[in-house]
Amino acid sequence: MNLVKLQQTLIAAARLRAPDERVPLAFEKRITARIAARAVADRWALWSQGLWRSAVSCAAIALISGVWFLATRDNTNPNDLSQDFETTLLASVDQSDLPQ
């Protein structure tokens, strides 16, 4: 909607008729102020605001999950991760099947 054209049309229609006693003082100024104050929704601003809110909530969830993981971690197992990995990989290989 073209607000400038609408404002001009309303002012032109109002000037065609003589002022009436029933019309409140500064009525046209209030109407034009309401038309101008009507904000146009900026879709990009709404979209970016939603993305920032979701990013903040994802970061908070990641932080809480990290703290929870570190707090509940079992430190009594001193095994080396590389040794566990090698044992797991070589568990499927049977030493008797290898050629000698």
Protein backbone atom coordinates (compact mmCIF):
# COMPACT_ATOMS: atom_id res chain seq x y z
CA MET A 1 0.00 0.00 0.00
CA ASN A 2 1.35 3.37 -1.01
CA LEU A 3 0.99 5.53 2.09
CA VAL A 4 1.86 8.81 0.40
CA LYS A 5 -0.80 8.33 -2.28
CA LEU A 6 -3.37 7.33 0.36
CA GLN A 7 -2.56 10.41 2.41
CA GLN A 8 -2.90 12.67 -0.63
CA THR A 9 -6.22 11.07 -1.57
CA LEU A 10 -7.63 11.53 1.93
CA ILE A 11 -6.51 15.17 2.12
CA ALA A 12 -7.98 15.89 -1.35
CA ALA A 13 -11.31 14.30 -0.38
CA ALA A 14 -11.40 16.27 2.85
CA ARG A 15 -10.75 19.58 1.06
CA LEU A 16 -13.66 19.08 -1.33
CA ARG A 17 -16.18 19.42 1.48
CA ALA A 18 -16.58 22.29 3.88
CA PRO A 19 -15.59 21.58 7.48
CA ASP A 20 -18.42 20.32 9.59
CA GLU A 21 -19.05 21.07 13.23
CA ARG A 22 -19.12 17.35 14.04
CA VAL A 23 -15.49 16.82 12.96
CA PRO A 24 -13.13 17.04 15.94
CA LEU A 25 -10.27 19.49 16.02
CA ALA A 26 -7.10 18.29 14.16
CA PHE A 27 -8.83 15.11 13.00
CA GLU A 28 -6.87 14.93 9.76
CA LYS A 29 -3.57 15.29 11.59
CA ARG A 30 -4.41 12.39 13.89
CA ILE A 31 -5.43 10.20 10.96
CA THR A 32 -2.30 10.98 8.95
CA ALA A 33 -0.15 10.42 12.05
CA ARG A 34 -1.73 6.98 12.52
CA ILE A 35 -1.14 6.09 8.89
CA ALA A 36 2.50 7.19 9.10
CA ALA A 37 3.02 5.43 12.44
CA ARG A 38 1.82 2.12 11.04
CA ALA A 39 5.05 0.19 10.94
CA VAL A 40 5.87 -2.07 8.05
CA ALA A 41 7.09 -5.46 9.27
CA ASP A 42 10.69 -6.01 8.27
CA ARG A 43 10.85 -9.71 7.41
CA TRP A 44 14.66 -9.84 7.43
CA ALA A 45 14.79 -8.35 10.92
CA LEU A 46 12.24 -10.85 12.23
CA TRP A 47 14.12 -13.74 10.58
CA SER A 48 17.51 -12.69 11.96
CA GLN A 49 16.05 -12.13 15.43
CA GLY A 50 14.67 -15.67 15.44
CA LEU A 51 18.00 -17.09 14.28
CA TRP A 52 19.92 -15.26 17.00
CA ARG A 53 17.51 -16.50 19.66
CA SER A 54 17.90 -20.07 18.47
CA ALA A 55 21.69 -19.72 18.35
CA VAL A 56 21.78 -18.49 21.93
CA SER A 57 19.58 -21.35 23.12
CA CYS A 58 21.73 -23.92 21.26
CA ALA A 59 24.89 -22.50 22.81
CA ALA A 60 23.29 -22.65 26.26
CA ILE A 61 22.27 -26.29 25.73
CA ALA A 62 25.79 -27.15 24.55
CA LEU A 63 27.33 -25.45 27.58
CA ILE A 64 24.99 -27.20 30.01
CA SER A 65 25.64 -30.56 28.34
CA GLY A 66 29.40 -30.05 28.56
CA VAL A 67 29.28 -29.14 32.22
CA TRP A 68 27.03 -32.12 32.94
CA PHE A 69 29.39 -34.47 31.06
CA LEU A 70 32.45 -33.20 32.93
CA ALA A 71 30.68 -33.39 36.28
CA THR A 72 29.51 -36.99 35.85
CA ARG A 73 32.66 -38.34 34.22
CA ASP A 74 34.23 -41.37 35.94
CA ASN A 75 37.88 -40.53 36.69
CA THR A 76 38.69 -43.87 38.33
CA ASN A 77 39.43 -45.62 35.01
CA PRO A 78 43.04 -44.70 34.13
CA ASN A 79 43.05 -46.65 30.82
CA ASP A 80 44.57 -44.98 27.86
CA LEU A 81 42.12 -44.33 25.01
CA SER A 82 44.64 -45.40 22.37
CA GLN A 83 45.08 -48.78 24.06
CA ASP A 84 41.32 -49.29 24.29
CA PHE A 85 40.93 -48.38 20.62
CA GLU A 86 43.67 -50.77 19.51
CA THR A 87 42.26 -53.60 21.61
CA THR A 88 38.81 -53.05 20.12
CA LEU A 89 40.13 -53.00 16.55
CA LEU A 90 42.27 -56.09 16.97
CA ALA A 91 39.60 -58.05 18.85
CA SER A 92 38.03 -59.19 15.58
CA VAL A 93 41.33 -60.45 14.21
CA ASP A 94 41.99 -63.98 15.39
CA GLN A 95 45.70 -64.66 15.78
CA SER A 96 45.29 -68.34 14.81
CA ASP A 97 43.88 -67.43 11.37
CA LEU A 98 47.00 -65.56 10.34
CA PRO A 99 49.55 -67.39 8.18
CA GLN A 100 52.73 -68.33 10.02
